[in-house]
Protein backbone atom coordinates (compact mmCIF):
# COMPACT_ATOMS: atom_id res chain seq x y z
CA MET A 1 57.07 79.14 112.29
CA VAL A 2 55.19 79.66 109.18
CA LEU A 3 52.51 81.63 111.08
CA THR A 4 55.17 83.84 112.57
CA THR A 5 56.68 84.35 109.09
CA ILE A 6 53.25 85.29 107.77
CA ALA A 7 52.49 87.63 110.60
CA ASP A 8 55.83 89.35 110.41
CA SER A 9 55.32 89.94 106.76
CA LEU A 10 51.75 91.32 107.18
CA SER A 11 52.97 93.83 109.93
CA ARG A 12 55.83 94.86 107.62
CA THR A 13 53.23 95.42 104.79
CA VAL A 14 50.87 97.53 107.10
CA GLU A 15 53.65 99.47 108.34
CA SER A 16 54.97 100.16 104.91
CA ALA A 17 51.48 101.14 103.84
CA GLY A 18 50.99 103.54 106.61
CA ASN A 19 54.32 105.31 105.96
CA THR A 20 53.76 105.43 102.23
CA ILE A 21 50.29 107.21 102.78
CA SER A 22 51.78 109.62 105.31
CA GLU A 23 54.91 110.40 103.06
CA THR A 24 52.69 110.81 99.88
CA PHE A 25 50.14 113.12 101.27
CA PHE A 26 52.09 115.10 103.83
CA GLU A 27 55.93 115.60 104.07
CA PRO A 28 57.65 113.05 101.78
CA THR A 29 60.53 110.98 102.96
CA LEU A 30 63.45 109.69 100.49
CA ARG A 31 65.66 106.95 101.90
CA LEU A 32 69.08 106.91 100.20
CA GLY A 33 71.53 104.03 100.69
CA VAL A 34 74.96 104.75 100.64
CA THR A 35 77.06 101.55 100.14
CA GLY A 36 80.45 100.60 98.78
CA LEU A 37 83.31 98.34 98.98
CA SER A 38 86.30 98.86 101.38
CA ARG A 39 88.16 102.12 101.01
CA ALA A 40 85.71 103.46 98.74
CA GLY A 41 84.94 106.54 100.89
CA LYS A 42 81.47 106.24 102.21
CA THR A 43 81.90 108.20 105.25
CA VAL A 44 83.58 111.14 103.35
CA PHE A 45 80.91 110.90 100.69
CA ILE A 46 78.14 111.40 103.27
CA THR A 47 79.77 114.09 105.09
CA SER A 48 80.65 116.26 102.02
CA LEU A 49 77.11 115.58 100.53
CA VAL A 50 75.31 116.67 103.79
CA ALA A 51 77.70 119.78 104.07
CA ASN A 52 77.18 120.72 100.35
CA LEU A 53 73.35 120.36 100.60
CA MET A 54 73.39 122.73 103.74
CA ASP A 55 75.97 125.26 102.16
CA ARG A 56 75.13 124.94 98.41
CA ALA A 57 77.51 127.39 96.76
CA ARG A 58 79.39 124.48 95.13
CA MET A 59 76.34 122.77 93.86
CA PRO A 60 75.40 124.38 90.51
CA GLY A 61 74.56 120.87 89.03
CA LEU A 62 71.66 120.42 91.40
CA VAL A 63 68.74 122.11 89.44
CA ALA A 64 66.60 122.98 92.37
CA GLN A 65 69.78 124.93 93.68
CA SER A 66 70.73 126.51 90.37
CA GLU A 67 66.95 127.58 90.14
CA GLY A 68 67.11 129.15 93.68
CA ARG A 69 64.26 126.88 94.75
CA ILE A 70 66.03 125.35 97.85
CA LEU A 71 65.32 127.65 100.61
CA THR A 72 67.10 125.91 103.42
CA ALA A 73 68.47 122.57 104.63
CA PHE A 74 68.66 121.35 108.15
CA LEU A 75 69.39 118.29 110.26
CA GLN A 76 66.69 116.74 112.19
CA PRO A 77 66.38 113.85 114.59
CA GLN A 78 66.31 110.53 112.52
CA PRO A 79 62.96 108.57 112.64
CA ASP A 80 64.58 105.22 113.71
CA ASP A 81 65.49 105.39 117.29
CA THR A 82 67.17 102.02 117.23
CA LEU A 83 69.94 103.03 114.87
CA PRO A 84 73.02 105.04 115.82
CA ARG A 85 73.06 108.51 114.23
CA PHE A 86 75.77 109.10 111.49
CA ASP A 87 78.29 111.36 113.35
CA TYR A 88 78.35 114.07 110.74
CA GLU A 89 79.73 116.68 113.10
CA THR A 90 82.71 114.68 114.13
CA HIS A 91 83.55 113.64 110.66
CA LEU A 92 83.24 117.30 109.22
CA ALA A 93 85.64 118.44 112.08
CA ALA A 94 88.14 115.80 110.98
CA LEU A 95 88.05 117.08 107.39
CA THR A 96 88.02 120.82 108.10
CA ALA A 97 90.58 120.94 111.09
CA ARG A 98 93.63 122.93 110.91
CA THR A 99 95.52 119.68 110.19
CA PRO A 100 92.78 117.64 108.48
CA HIS A 101 92.70 113.85 108.62
CA TRP A 102 90.29 111.31 107.02
CA PRO A 103 87.55 110.24 109.42
CA ASP A 104 87.25 106.64 110.82
CA SER A 105 85.65 104.24 108.32
CA THR A 106 82.13 102.82 108.79
CA ARG A 107 81.75 99.99 111.54
CA ALA A 108 78.10 99.73 112.00
CA VAL A 109 74.87 100.81 110.45
CA SER A 110 74.03 104.49 111.02
CA GLU A 111 71.40 106.92 109.73
CA LEU A 112 71.02 110.61 109.38
CA ARG A 113 67.89 112.79 108.57
CA LEU A 114 68.46 115.94 106.38
CA SER A 115 65.33 117.98 105.64
CA LEU A 116 65.20 120.39 102.68
CA LYS A 117 62.61 123.25 102.43
CA VAL A 118 61.97 123.70 98.76
CA ARG A 119 59.74 126.11 96.70
CA PRO A 120 57.66 124.17 94.03
CA SER A 121 58.17 124.55 90.36
CA GLY A 122 55.73 124.52 87.52
CA LEU A 123 52.64 126.28 86.73
CA LEU A 124 51.11 125.81 90.22
CA ALA A 125 54.13 127.05 91.90
CA GLY A 126 52.71 130.39 92.83
CA LEU A 127 49.66 128.84 94.44
CA GLN A 128 51.55 126.47 96.72
CA GLY A 129 53.88 127.37 99.64
CA PRO A 130 57.13 125.77 100.37
CA ARG A 131 57.34 122.02 101.02
CA THR A 132 59.62 119.85 102.87
CA LEU A 133 61.57 116.77 101.72
CA HIS A 134 63.09 114.61 104.29
CA LEU A 135 66.32 112.71 103.00
CA ASP A 136 67.08 109.78 105.26
CA ILE A 137 70.73 108.67 104.46
CA VAL A 138 71.50 105.11 105.56
CA ASP A 139 75.17 104.09 105.81
CA TYR A 140 76.50 100.53 106.48
CA PRO A 141 79.88 98.94 106.38
CA GLY A 142 81.02 97.94 102.89
CA GLU A 143 82.10 94.72 104.46
CA TRP A 144 78.48 93.74 105.00
CA LEU A 145 77.53 94.62 101.53
CA LEU A 146 79.46 91.56 100.24
CA ASP A 147 77.09 89.36 102.23
CA LEU A 148 74.16 90.24 99.79
CA GLY A 149 75.58 88.23 97.11
CA LEU A 150 75.34 85.03 99.34
CA MET A 151 71.55 85.19 99.51
CA GLU A 152 71.06 83.08 96.33
CA LYS A 153 74.01 80.65 96.73
CA SER A 154 74.17 77.42 98.41
CA TYR A 155 77.21 76.40 100.64
CA ALA A 156 78.44 74.18 97.90
CA GLU A 157 78.21 76.84 95.17
CA TRP A 158 79.95 79.48 97.58
CA SER A 159 82.77 77.06 98.42
CA ASP A 160 83.49 76.16 94.81
CA GLN A 161 83.59 79.86 94.04
CA MET A 162 85.89 80.85 96.95
CA LEU A 163 88.35 77.99 96.59
CA THR A 164 88.63 78.76 92.90
CA ARG A 165 89.45 82.40 93.57
CA MET A 166 91.85 81.41 96.44
CA GLY A 167 94.14 79.97 93.82
CA HIS A 168 95.01 83.45 92.76
CA ARG A 169 95.20 85.31 96.13
CA PRO A 170 97.43 85.44 99.13
CA ASP A 171 97.27 82.68 101.66
CA PRO A 172 99.32 83.77 104.72
CA GLU A 173 98.33 80.92 106.85
CA GLY A 174 98.05 78.08 104.26
CA PHE A 175 94.37 77.78 104.27
CA VAL A 176 94.10 76.09 100.77
CA ALA A 177 96.46 73.35 101.95
CA MET A 178 94.03 72.72 105.01
CA ALA A 179 90.80 72.88 103.08
CA THR A 180 91.00 69.39 101.62
CA THR A 181 88.39 66.55 100.84
CA ASP A 182 89.71 64.69 103.71
CA ALA A 183 89.13 67.45 106.15
CA ALA A 184 85.61 67.88 104.69
CA GLU A 185 84.96 64.18 105.28
CA ALA A 186 86.28 64.03 108.90
CA LYS A 187 84.11 63.86 111.91
CA LEU A 188 83.54 67.48 113.33
CA ASP A 189 86.30 68.61 115.70
CA GLU A 190 85.77 72.14 116.95
CA PRO A 191 89.37 73.22 117.36
CA VAL A 192 89.80 71.99 113.62
CA ALA A 193 86.85 74.07 112.70
CA GLN A 194 88.41 77.12 114.44
CA ARG A 195 91.77 76.88 112.88
CA LEU A 196 90.14 76.62 109.43
CA ALA A 197 87.94 79.57 110.12
CA ARG A 198 90.84 81.65 111.43
CA ALA A 199 93.03 80.69 108.43
CA TYR A 200 90.32 81.71 106.09
CA THR A 201 89.71 84.96 107.79
CA ALA A 202 93.43 85.73 107.52
CA ALA A 203 93.30 85.06 103.80
CA LEU A 204 90.35 87.36 103.54
CA HIS A 205 92.20 90.09 105.27
CA ALA A 206 95.20 89.49 102.92
CA ALA A 207 93.06 89.49 99.76
CA ARG A 208 91.40 92.77 100.66
CA ALA A 209 94.75 94.33 101.28
CA GLU A 210 95.88 93.25 97.81
CA GLY A 211 92.79 94.92 96.22
CA PHE A 212 90.38 91.98 95.83
CA SER A 213 86.71 92.75 96.23
CA ASP A 214 84.76 89.54 96.85
CA CYS A 215 86.04 88.92 100.39
CA SER A 216 82.95 87.14 101.75
CA PRO A 217 81.42 86.49 104.33
CA GLY A 218 81.86 90.21 105.19
CA ARG A 219 81.34 89.71 109.00
CA PHE A 220 84.49 87.84 108.87
CA LEU A 221 86.33 91.12 108.18
CA LEU A 222 84.15 93.18 110.63
CA PRO A 223 82.38 90.84 113.12
CA GLY A 224 81.30 93.05 115.87
CA GLU A 225 79.49 91.36 118.58
CA LEU A 226 79.30 88.05 116.74
CA GLU A 227 83.21 87.62 116.90
CA GLY A 228 84.01 83.97 118.06
CA SER A 229 80.46 82.65 117.63
CA PRO A 230 79.61 79.47 115.73
CA VAL A 231 77.81 81.53 113.09
CA LEU A 232 81.31 82.98 112.14
CA THR A 233 83.12 79.64 112.60
CA PHE A 234 83.35 78.00 109.07
CA ALA A 235 85.03 78.25 105.90
CA PRO A 236 84.79 76.88 102.25
CA LEU A 237 85.43 73.20 101.76
CA PRO A 238 85.45 71.11 98.50
CA PRO A 239 81.96 70.28 97.63
CA ILE A 240 81.15 66.54 98.58
CA LYS A 241 78.23 64.45 99.52
CA ALA A 242 78.88 64.31 103.19
CA ALA A 243 77.43 62.23 105.85
CA ARG A 244 75.96 63.68 109.11
CA GLY A 245 78.32 64.56 111.71
CA THR A 246 81.17 65.54 109.39
CA LEU A 247 82.85 68.89 109.35
CA TYR A 248 81.35 69.80 105.81
CA ARG A 249 77.75 69.15 107.05
CA GLU A 250 78.48 71.45 110.16
CA PHE A 251 79.99 74.17 108.00
CA GLU A 252 77.06 73.80 105.57
CA ARG A 253 74.52 74.33 108.51
CA ARG A 254 76.61 77.27 109.85
CA PHE A 255 76.62 78.85 106.46
CA ASP A 256 72.88 78.51 106.21
CA ALA A 257 72.48 80.02 109.70
CA TYR A 258 74.85 82.90 108.81
CA LYS A 259 72.34 83.72 105.94
CA SER A 260 69.10 83.35 107.85
CA ARG A 261 70.33 84.90 111.06
CA VAL A 262 72.63 87.65 110.08
CA VAL A 263 72.41 88.42 106.42
CA LYS A 264 68.56 88.11 105.89
CA PRO A 265 67.35 90.27 108.88
CA PHE A 266 69.90 92.98 107.78
CA PHE A 267 68.37 92.82 104.25
CA GLN A 268 64.83 93.03 105.58
CA ASP A 269 65.47 95.85 108.08
CA HIS A 270 67.48 98.16 105.73
CA PHE A 271 67.55 97.18 101.98
CA SER A 272 63.91 96.50 101.79
CA ARG A 273 63.04 100.13 102.81
CA LEU A 274 65.54 101.89 100.53
CA ASP A 275 64.22 104.19 97.55
CA ARG A 276 67.59 105.14 95.95
CA GLN A 277 71.07 103.66 96.08
CA ILE A 278 74.53 104.73 95.34
CA VAL A 279 77.26 102.17 95.09
CA LEU A 280 80.88 103.69 95.54
CA VAL A 281 83.75 101.79 94.04
CA ASP A 282 87.35 102.34 94.36
CA ALA A 283 88.07 101.50 90.73
CA LEU A 284 91.51 103.04 90.63
CA GLY A 285 92.59 100.75 93.44
CA ALA A 286 91.43 97.75 91.63
CA ILE A 287 93.06 98.72 88.45
CA HIS A 288 96.39 99.39 90.33
CA ALA A 289 96.05 95.84 91.86
CA GLY A 290 95.93 94.33 88.50
CA PRO A 291 93.69 92.33 86.08
CA ARG A 292 92.56 89.66 88.42
CA ALA A 293 91.25 92.34 90.90
CA VAL A 294 89.34 94.18 88.29
CA GLU A 295 87.61 91.07 87.12
CA ASP A 296 86.96 90.13 90.76
CA LEU A 297 85.43 93.54 91.19
CA ARG A 298 83.23 93.17 88.12
CA GLN A 299 81.88 89.84 89.27
CA THR A 300 81.12 91.21 92.77
CA LEU A 301 79.26 94.18 91.59
CA ALA A 302 77.05 91.94 89.56
CA ASP A 303 76.61 89.57 92.61
CA ILE A 304 75.61 92.42 94.90
CA LEU A 305 73.02 93.93 92.60
CA THR A 306 70.86 90.61 92.86
CA ALA A 307 69.96 91.39 96.50
CA PHE A 308 68.93 95.18 95.79
CA ARG A 309 65.37 94.42 94.47
CA PRO A 310 65.58 97.13 91.87
CA GLY A 311 62.54 98.15 89.82
CA ALA A 312 60.22 100.96 89.10
CA SER A 313 58.43 102.45 92.06
CA SER A 314 55.00 104.08 92.29
CA PHE A 315 52.52 104.79 95.07
CA LEU A 316 50.41 101.66 94.59
CA ALA A 317 53.55 99.46 93.95
CA SER A 318 55.04 100.66 97.33
CA LEU A 319 51.75 100.27 98.97
CA PHE A 320 51.19 96.63 98.16
CA LEU A 321 54.50 95.23 97.23
CA GLY A 322 56.92 97.26 99.48
CA ARG A 323 59.59 99.71 98.31
CA ARG A 324 61.72 99.18 95.32
CA ILE A 325 65.00 100.90 94.37
CA ASP A 326 64.19 102.89 91.33
CA LYS A 327 67.50 104.86 90.82
CA ILE A 328 71.02 103.34 91.24
CA LEU A 329 74.13 105.29 90.77
CA PHE A 330 77.53 103.43 90.31
CA ALA A 331 80.27 106.01 91.20
CA ALA A 332 84.12 105.52 90.72
CA THR A 333 85.48 107.54 93.78
CA LYS A 334 88.74 109.22 93.97
CA ALA A 335 88.55 111.08 90.72
CA ASP A 336 90.79 113.72 92.14
CA HIS A 337 93.67 111.25 91.92
CA LEU A 338 93.66 111.74 88.18
CA HIS A 339 93.87 114.89 86.00
CA HIS A 340 90.62 116.05 84.76
CA THR A 341 91.62 115.00 81.13
CA GLN A 342 91.35 111.40 82.30
CA HIS A 343 88.04 111.53 84.09
CA ALA A 344 86.11 110.57 81.10
CA GLN A 345 88.16 107.35 80.70
CA LEU A 346 87.62 106.48 84.33
CA THR A 347 83.90 106.98 83.95
CA ALA A 348 84.06 104.68 80.80
CA VAL A 349 85.79 102.04 82.92
CA MET A 350 83.17 102.25 85.68
CA GLU A 351 80.40 101.88 82.90
CA ALA A 352 82.23 98.97 81.48
CA LEU A 353 82.75 97.35 85.11
CA THR A 354 79.07 97.64 85.97
CA ARG A 355 77.55 96.92 82.51
CA ASP A 356 76.09 93.49 83.64
CA ALA A 357 74.86 94.89 86.81
CA ARG A 358 73.34 97.97 85.17
CA ASP A 359 71.57 96.01 82.50
CA ARG A 360 70.00 93.69 84.99
CA ALA A 361 68.77 96.79 86.97
CA ARG A 362 67.24 98.37 83.83
CA PHE A 363 65.54 95.09 83.00
CA ALA A 364 63.88 95.37 86.33
CA GLY A 365 62.62 98.92 85.57
CA ALA A 366 65.30 100.99 87.70
CA GLU A 367 67.15 103.79 86.21
CA THR A 368 70.88 103.62 86.44
CA ALA A 369 73.93 105.71 85.73
CA ALA A 370 77.68 105.57 86.19
CA MET A 371 80.11 108.49 86.82
CA SER A 372 83.44 109.23 88.44
CA LEU A 373 83.57 111.78 91.15
CA ALA A 374 85.49 112.97 94.32
CA ALA A 375 83.35 113.76 97.35
CA LEU A 376 86.27 115.88 98.74
CA ARG A 377 88.97 117.17 96.43
CA ALA A 378 92.26 116.45 98.09
CA THR A 379 94.54 117.50 95.02
CA THR A 380 95.16 120.24 92.48
CA GLU A 381 96.19 119.79 89.01
CA GLU A 382 99.33 120.76 87.14
CA MET A 383 101.35 120.00 83.83
CA ILE A 384 104.91 118.81 84.23
CA GLN A 385 107.62 118.45 81.61
CA HIS A 386 109.17 115.00 81.59
CA GLU A 387 111.67 114.14 78.85
CA GLY A 388 110.15 116.62 76.50
CA GLN A 389 106.47 115.58 77.15
CA ALA A 390 103.84 117.41 79.13
CA LEU A 391 102.39 115.08 81.66
CA PRO A 392 98.84 115.80 83.33
CA CYS A 393 99.59 115.34 87.01
CA VAL A 394 97.98 115.88 90.35
CA ARG A 395 99.65 117.48 93.34
CA GLY A 396 98.84 116.59 96.96
CA THR A 397 99.85 115.95 100.55
CA LEU A 398 101.10 112.39 100.84
CA LEU A 399 99.32 110.42 103.54
CA ASP A 400 102.32 108.50 104.81
CA SER A 401 104.92 111.31 104.80
CA GLY A 402 102.97 114.51 104.96
CA LYS A 403 105.17 115.83 102.25
CA GLN A 404 103.67 117.58 99.04
CA ALA A 405 104.38 115.63 95.78
CA ALA A 406 103.17 115.74 92.25
CA PHE A 407 101.98 112.53 90.77
CA TYR A 408 101.40 111.03 87.38
CA PRO A 409 99.37 107.86 87.55
CA GLY A 410 99.63 106.50 84.00
CA ALA A 411 97.13 107.08 81.30
CA LEU A 412 93.93 105.06 81.29
CA PRO A 413 93.10 103.54 77.74
CA GLU A 414 90.47 105.35 75.70
CA ASP A 415 88.77 101.90 75.30
CA PRO A 416 87.91 100.35 78.67
CA ASN A 417 87.84 96.90 77.04
CA HIS A 418 91.56 97.06 76.76
CA LEU A 419 91.54 96.69 80.54
CA LEU A 420 88.45 94.38 80.85
CA THR A 421 89.51 91.78 78.29
CA ALA A 422 92.84 91.25 80.07
CA ALA A 423 90.86 91.04 83.38
CA ARG A 424 88.31 88.45 81.94
CA GLN A 425 91.12 86.42 80.38
CA GLY A 426 92.95 86.19 83.77
CA ALA A 427 96.03 87.99 82.89
CA ASP A 428 98.51 88.36 85.74
CA HIS A 429 99.51 91.94 84.76
CA TRP A 430 98.73 94.73 82.42
CA LEU A 431 100.31 94.42 78.99
CA ASP A 432 100.68 98.05 78.49
CA GLY A 433 102.46 98.86 81.93
CA ASP A 434 101.21 99.32 85.48
CA TYR A 435 98.79 101.85 86.84
CA SER A 436 99.98 103.67 90.06
CA VAL A 437 97.96 105.00 92.81
CA MET A 438 98.95 107.29 95.73
CA ALA A 439 97.32 107.86 99.25
CA PHE A 440 96.70 111.51 99.71
CA ALA A 441 95.62 113.19 102.84
CA PRO A 442 92.81 115.71 102.94
CA ALA A 443 93.93 119.19 101.88
CA ALA A 444 93.56 122.10 104.37
CA LEU A 445 90.33 124.05 103.60
CA THR A 446 89.51 127.59 103.86
CA LEU A 447 85.63 127.91 103.31
CA ILE A 448 83.83 131.17 102.91
CA PRO A 449 80.26 131.39 104.22
CA GLY A 450 77.83 129.39 102.15
CA GLU A 451 80.34 127.06 100.68
CA GLY A 452 80.60 123.33 101.21
CA PRO A 453 83.89 121.38 100.92
CA PRO A 454 85.37 121.24 97.24
CA HIS A 455 84.39 118.24 95.26
CA ILE A 456 84.17 116.74 91.69
CA ARG A 457 80.67 116.19 90.48
CA LEU A 458 79.14 115.73 93.69
CA ASP A 459 76.39 118.01 92.43
CA ARG A 460 75.67 116.02 89.51
CA ALA A 461 75.34 112.80 91.72
CA ALA A 462 72.94 114.57 93.92
CA GLN A 463 71.00 115.71 90.89
CA PHE A 464 70.60 111.98 89.71
CA LEU A 465 69.81 110.78 93.15
CA ILE A 466 67.48 113.24 94.65
CA GLY A 467 66.86 116.03 91.95
CA ASP A 468 63.57 114.78 90.61
CA ARG A 469 62.17 114.90 94.19
CA LEU A 470 63.03 118.48 94.75
């Protein structure tokens, strides 16, 4: 077993070294990971990013574009033949149809290669011809992202954490009442184990619907081919010193198997090869769900980052130590659900939510940033008079009814600590009132040649993530 592990590590190192040399001296490749929690808009982000990199009229914030140095961008076959291709064309067709609709969410890992031919800048630009940068975009389900926080936790630690959080979450099948010390100490009975796992899975689905973020393990929400397997048949139980043959010991064994056979291979095959990372967050949805959901989101983001291996990257470092993520962007999505006068407040909330995570990344040498954006703008802005006061509103097509409506979500505070303090203190509701959200359908688009879909700050996000390599 040890020899196999050593051989596997050596083969990965040699492969990484060969790829690094090829990329450094010939056509460089940049691997961008796109991650996010449920309903954050990963599929729409990738689709709009690729469309706007191919037709760049709406990308003035991308410096290489504003300088006229991007000559062309085109899709190519991806280098990994074992991964599904991100279905860019189908997703773009959904967003640009006569009656547009949101594309299906991510249900498996996928990849897409976009190659950009760029004219060099600087003193030697006139002596060099155009060069090509290959941008490999890796997409994976947000549910699986939650598993990364499990890597450093024992079954007892995870159980204690999740049972504590369950006290403030919906429990449709009475899982908490079932997960007792007596149940943990009882002899393993597979039907009992399955009932506990089903009840816990139902609680996870209900918690996600209520806006909570830490709903781990992620494969319980999106099991795929693992559905019904023992590796997904466990649940948190009160930590005890359990004897062999008990339900607790078997759940502990299955939890460890889940980490080693499901989470770790996924981490090694995908995260260990990333150069840049964007983490998309539905911060508005968490704020709408209340203080406990916001605090849950803050803790989840901090846990997730422990698995990203952030740090400064260089040729020698990647050659001998493997890749390191050297830039991480935390982005609050759906900025188009707010009037632009509140975008600064949303960005400030995002910065405050990710403060712990970004400090940890900076300590490891990674450059980080936080912003608010909308990969696809679905609304327009207007001011509406209400009781003698002008309210900054957004107007769009409601997803459930198809009707046009103007919407005022409430004013975010200038100081984000007004939200985070209440969240840390475990408040049940916001003292200054509630914050509303609406689900909008994508707006019908009329694009002229050279234009990608309308967005908010997607060009600035692209500049941060890939601008230095162009």
